[in-house]
C-alpha atoms as a PDB file:
ATOM      1  CA  MET A   1      -7.878  -1.201  -9.125  1.00  0.00           C
ATOM      2  CA  PHE A   2      -6.085  -4.415  -8.087  1.00  0.00           C
ATOM      3  CA  THR A   3      -6.627  -7.818  -9.761  1.00  0.00           C
ATOM      4  CA  LEU A   4      -6.066 -10.891  -7.619  1.00  0.00           C
ATOM      5  CA  GLY A   5      -5.052 -14.136  -9.225  1.00  0.00           C
ATOM      6  CA  ALA A   6      -4.346 -15.106 -12.821  1.00  0.00           C
ATOM      7  CA  HIS A   7      -2.938 -12.698 -15.311  1.00  0.00           C
ATOM      8  CA  VAL A   8      -5.616 -12.150 -18.100  1.00  0.00           C
ATOM      9  CA  SER A   9      -3.719 -10.181 -20.731  1.00  0.00           C
ATOM     10  CA  ASP A  10      -0.279  -9.668 -22.204  1.00  0.00           C
ATOM     11  CA  THR A  11      -1.183  -6.482 -23.894  1.00  0.00           C
ATOM     12  CA  ALA A  12       0.934  -4.262 -21.514  1.00  0.00           C
ATOM     13  CA  CYS A  13       3.898  -6.553 -21.876  1.00  0.00           C
ATOM     14  CA  SER A  14       3.702  -6.798 -25.639  1.00  0.00           C
ATOM     15  CA  THR A  15       3.382  -3.086 -25.914  1.00  0.00           C
ATOM     16  CA  SER A  16       6.616  -2.501 -24.017  1.00  0.00           C
ATOM     17  CA  ILE A  17       8.726  -4.914 -22.216  1.00  0.00           C
ATOM     18  CA  ASN A  18       9.520  -2.223 -19.673  1.00  0.00           C
ATOM     19  CA  ASN A  19       5.864  -2.595 -18.331  1.00  0.00           C
ATOM     20  CA  CYS A  20       6.641  -5.966 -16.977  1.00  0.00           C
ATOM     21  CA  ILE A  21      10.374  -6.599 -16.754  1.00  0.00           C
ATOM     22  CA  GLU A  22      10.960  -5.704 -13.006  1.00  0.00           C
ATOM     23  CA  ALA A  23       8.003  -7.907 -11.865  1.00  0.00           C
ATOM     24  CA  ASN A  24       8.828 -10.742 -14.173  1.00  0.00           C
ATOM     25  CA  LEU A  25      12.405 -10.813 -12.777  1.00  0.00           C
ATOM     26  CA  ASP A  26      11.246 -10.829  -9.266  1.00  0.00           C
ATOM     27  CA  ILE A  27       8.779 -13.698  -9.904  1.00  0.00           C
ATOM     28  CA  GLN A  28      11.671 -15.789 -11.660  1.00  0.00           C
ATOM     29  CA  TYR A  29      13.786 -15.330  -8.434  1.00  0.00           C
ATOM     30  CA  MET A  30      11.035 -16.248  -6.172  1.00  0.00           C
ATOM     31  CA  LYS A  31      10.316 -19.378  -8.150  1.00  0.00           C
ATOM     32  CA  ALA A  32      13.975 -20.321  -8.459  1.00  0.00           C
ATOM     33  CA  VAL A  33      14.409 -20.073  -4.659  1.00  0.00           C
ATOM     34  CA  SER A  34      11.248 -21.886  -3.581  1.00  0.00           C
ATOM     35  CA  GLN A  35       9.299 -23.659  -6.389  1.00  0.00           C
ATOM     36  CA  ALA A  36       6.845 -25.187  -3.807  1.00  0.00           C
ATOM     37  CA  THR A  37       5.840 -21.989  -2.066  1.00  0.00           C
ATOM     38  CA  PRO A  38       2.185 -21.023  -3.026  1.00  0.00           C
ATOM     39  CA  THR A  39       2.328 -17.529  -4.750  1.00  0.00           C
ATOM     40  CA  THR A  40      -0.555 -15.164  -5.353  1.00  0.00           C
ATOM     41  CA  TYR A  41      -0.203 -12.254  -7.828  1.00  0.00           C
ATOM     42  CA  TYR A  42      -1.806  -8.892  -7.585  1.00  0.00           C
ATOM     43  CA  TYR A  43      -1.895  -6.675 -10.633  1.00  0.00           C
ATOM     44  CA  TRP A  44      -2.429  -2.931 -10.474  1.00  0.00           C
ATOM     45  CA  ASP A  45      -4.346  -1.624 -13.380  1.00  0.00           C
ATOM     46  CA  GLY A  46      -3.041   1.770 -13.081  1.00  0.00           C
ATOM     47  CA  THR A  47      -6.390   3.563 -12.731  1.00  0.00           C
ATOM     48  CA  SER A  48      -5.393   5.224  -9.424  1.00  0.00           C
ATOM     49  CA  SER A  49      -2.525   7.246  -8.660  1.00  0.00           C
ATOM     50  CA  ASP A  50      -2.445   5.820  -5.058  1.00  0.00           C
ATOM     51  CA  LEU A  51      -0.632   2.676  -5.314  1.00  0.00           C
ATOM     52  CA  TRP A  52       0.959   1.820  -1.979  1.00  0.00           C
ATOM     53  CA  VAL A  53      -1.621   2.583   0.579  1.00  0.00           C
ATOM     54  CA  SER A  54      -4.530   1.381  -1.591  1.00  0.00           C
ATOM     55  CA  PHE A  55      -2.749  -1.974  -2.123  1.00  0.00           C
ATOM     56  CA  LEU A  56      -2.255  -2.514   1.584  1.00  0.00           C
ATOM     57  CA  VAL A  57      -5.849  -1.496   2.464  1.00  0.00           C
ATOM     58  CA  ASP A  58      -7.054  -3.822  -0.296  1.00  0.00           C
ATOM     59  CA  PHE A  59      -4.775  -6.635   0.858  1.00  0.00           C
ATOM     60  CA  VAL A  60      -5.895  -6.330   4.503  1.00  0.00           C
ATOM     61  CA  SER A  61      -9.696  -6.354   3.413  1.00  0.00           C
ATOM     62  CA  ARG A  62      -9.214  -9.377   1.193  1.00  0.00           C
ATOM     63  CA  THR A  63      -7.325 -11.466   3.744  1.00  0.00           C
ATOM     64  CA  ASN A  64      -8.873 -10.252   6.905  1.00  0.00           C
ATOM     65  CA  PHE A  65      -6.003 -11.982   8.595  1.00  0.00           C
ATOM     66  CA  THR A  66      -7.409 -15.497   8.185  1.00  0.00           C
ATOM     67  CA  THR A  67      -5.354 -18.705   8.425  1.00  0.00           C
ATOM     68  CA  ASN A  68      -4.565 -18.245   4.582  1.00  0.00           C
ATOM     69  CA  THR A  69      -3.034 -14.806   4.827  1.00  0.00           C
ATOM     70  CA  PRO A  70       0.227 -14.772   2.848  1.00  0.00           C
ATOM     71  CA  GLN A  71       3.329 -14.429   5.153  1.00  0.00           C
ATOM     72  CA  VAL A  72       5.296 -12.338   2.810  1.00  0.00           C
ATOM     73  CA  ILE A  73       4.415  -9.460   0.495  1.00  0.00           C
ATOM     74  CA  SER A  74       7.021  -8.610  -2.114  1.00  0.00           C
ATOM     75  CA  ILE A  75       6.828  -5.230  -3.925  1.00  0.00           C
ATOM     76  CA  SER A  76       8.974  -4.968  -7.021  1.00  0.00           C
ATOM     77  CA  TYR A  77       8.696  -1.203  -7.460  1.00  0.00           C
ATOM     78  CA  SER A  78       9.446   2.070  -5.515  1.00  0.00           C
ATOM     79  CA  SER A  79       9.117   5.800  -5.598  1.00  0.00           C
ATOM     80  CA  PRO A  80      11.487   8.470  -4.287  1.00  0.00           C
ATOM     81  CA  GLU A  81      10.764   9.129  -0.701  1.00  0.00           C
ATOM     82  CA  SER A  82      11.090  12.767  -1.370  1.00  0.00           C
ATOM     83  CA  GLN A  83       7.962  12.556  -3.417  1.00  0.00           C
ATOM     84  CA  ILE A  84       5.874  11.058  -0.679  1.00  0.00           C
ATOM     85  CA  SER A  85       4.080  13.366   1.816  1.00  0.00           C
ATOM     86  CA  SER A  86       4.498  12.871   5.530  1.00  0.00           C
ATOM     87  CA  ALA A  87       0.715  12.063   5.787  1.00  0.00           C
ATOM     88  CA  TYR A  88       0.910   9.574   3.123  1.00  0.00           C
ATOM     89  CA  PHE A  89       3.942   7.980   4.666  1.00  0.00           C
ATOM     90  CA  HIS A  90       2.057   7.872   7.943  1.00  0.00           C
ATOM     91  CA  SER A  91      -1.037   6.278   6.338  1.00  0.00           C
ATOM     92  CA  PHE A  92       1.197   3.580   4.889  1.00  0.00           C
ATOM     93  CA  THR A  93       2.913   3.013   8.167  1.00  0.00           C
ATOM     94  CA  VAL A  94      -0.511   2.357   9.869  1.00  0.00           C
ATOM     95  CA  GLN A  95      -1.333  -0.318   7.256  1.00  0.00           C
ATOM     96  CA  ALA A  96       2.204  -1.812   7.446  1.00  0.00           C
ATOM     97  CA  MET A  97       1.908  -1.978  11.223  1.00  0.00           C
ATOM     98  CA  LYS A  98      -1.305  -3.902  11.048  1.00  0.00           C
ATOM     99  CA  LEU A  99       0.416  -6.414   8.677  1.00  0.00           C
ATOM    100  CA  ALA A 100       3.532  -6.762  10.829  1.00  0.00           C
ATOM    101  CA  ALA A 101       1.309  -7.391  13.915  1.00  0.00           C
ATOM    102  CA  ALA A 102      -0.346 -10.273  11.930  1.00  0.00           C
ATOM    103  CA  GLY A 103       3.215 -11.664  11.099  1.00  0.00           C
ATOM    104  CA  VAL A 104       3.259 -10.551   7.516  1.00  0.00           C
ATOM    105  CA  THR A 105       6.594  -9.358   6.058  1.00  0.00           C
ATOM    106  CA  ILE A 106       6.660  -6.711   3.577  1.00  0.00           C
ATOM    107  CA  VAL A 107       9.752  -6.802   1.237  1.00  0.00           C
ATOM    108  CA  ALA A 108      10.339  -3.844  -1.160  1.00  0.00           C
ATOM    109  CA  SER A 109      12.770  -2.680  -3.786  1.00  0.00           C
ATOM    110  CA  SER A 110      15.461  -0.170  -2.618  1.00  0.00           C
ATOM    111  CA  GLY A 111      15.876   0.907  -6.158  1.00  0.00           C
ATOM    112  CA  ASP A 112      18.282   0.113  -8.897  1.00  0.00           C
ATOM    113  CA  ASP A 113      21.130   1.925  -7.001  1.00  0.00           C
ATOM    114  CA  GLY A 114      20.018   1.766  -3.499  1.00  0.00           C
ATOM    115  CA  ALA A 115      19.600   4.888  -1.404  1.00  0.00           C
ATOM    116  CA  ASN A 116      22.704   6.524  -2.691  1.00  0.00           C
ATOM    117  CA  CYS A 117      21.281   7.939  -6.029  1.00  0.00           C
ATOM    118  CA  PRO A 118      18.242   9.960  -6.886  1.00  0.00           C
ATOM    119  CA  ALA A 119      17.895   9.213 -10.500  1.00  0.00           C
ATOM    120  CA  GLY A 120      19.345   5.735 -11.100  1.00  0.00           C
ATOM    121  CA  PHE A 121      22.593   4.708 -12.558  1.00  0.00           C
ATOM    122  CA  CYS A 122      24.420   7.222 -10.397  1.00  0.00           C
ATOM    123  CA  GLY A 123      28.030   7.606 -11.050  1.00  0.00           C
ATOM    124  CA  VAL A 124      27.628   6.536 -14.699  1.00  0.00           C
ATOM    125  CA  SER A 125      25.639   9.399 -16.156  1.00  0.00           C
ATOM    126  CA  THR A 126      24.890  11.559 -13.102  1.00  0.00           C
ATOM    127  CA  PRO A 127      27.685  13.616 -11.825  1.00  0.00           C
ATOM    128  CA  SER A 128      26.389  14.152  -8.213  1.00  0.00           C
ATOM    129  CA  CYS A 129      25.031  11.560  -5.803  1.00  0.00           C
ATOM    130  CA  GLY A 130      23.306  11.890  -2.548  1.00  0.00           C
ATOM    131  CA  TYR A 131      21.050  10.136  -0.106  1.00  0.00           C
ATOM    132  CA  SER A 132      17.737   9.391  -1.728  1.00  0.00           C
ATOM    133  CA  PRO A 133      15.900   6.662  -0.120  1.00  0.00           C
ATOM    134  CA  GLN A 134      13.037   4.928  -2.037  1.00  0.00           C
ATOM    135  CA  PHE A 135       9.594   4.410  -0.684  1.00  0.00           C
ATOM    136  CA  PRO A 136       8.242   1.995   0.521  1.00  0.00           C
ATOM    137  CA  ALA A 137      11.455   0.419   1.304  1.00  0.00           C
ATOM    138  CA  SER A 138      12.436   3.331   3.459  1.00  0.00           C
ATOM    139  CA  ASN A 139       9.430   2.633   5.882  1.00  0.00           C
ATOM    140  CA  PRO A 140      10.453   1.144   9.144  1.00  0.00           C
ATOM    141  CA  PHE A 141       7.917  -1.634   8.805  1.00  0.00           C
ATOM    142  CA  VAL A 142       9.370  -2.815   5.476  1.00  0.00           C
ATOM    143  CA  THR A 143      12.482  -4.747   4.636  1.00  0.00           C
ATOM    144  CA  ALA A 144      14.447  -3.147   1.986  1.00  0.00           C
ATOM    145  CA  VAL A 145      16.110  -5.410  -0.659  1.00  0.00           C
ATOM    146  CA  GLY A 146      17.952  -4.602  -3.798  1.00  0.00           C
ATOM    147  CA  ALA A 147      20.897  -2.610  -5.114  1.00  0.00           C
ATOM    148  CA  THR A 148      23.809  -0.696  -3.844  1.00  0.00           C
ATOM    149  CA  GLN A 149      25.786   1.788  -5.931  1.00  0.00           C
ATOM    150  CA  VAL A 150      29.564   1.090  -6.426  1.00  0.00           C
ATOM    151  CA  ASP A 151      31.912   3.769  -7.211  1.00  0.00           C
ATOM    152  CA  MET A 152      33.857   2.456 -10.283  1.00  0.00           C
ATOM    153  CA  HIS A 153      36.481   5.287 -10.153  1.00  0.00           C
END
């Protein structure tokens, strides 16, 4: 489900740039800010619909909180919180709490427009806006980073 380490194929990116553009931009920013920081990449193969909890469980089992445990996990993607069940949110929270207790910071995308817009690009093509937080950035054990929506009118 998750591949650790070197990227082995450009097939997904060459098929559609949209498959890779978000994560690629995040990697470019990380390397621009701190070139010397060791970076490990995880690749999700898309075979499971459970991305968030499965990733944290996999991460915890691989690192087992050894001295080499990464201090920061950066997640490039998000899902509308309204599509996440309370049981799933709780399962994620339990895993995120384990990481927080071990000193690991989880940073996740708040979405292209922040919590203000449900479908992206709010105010440009969407006539109504409302509070629509993005998961996992909406979790109390995650640091949300990303966009805000500006009213251009």
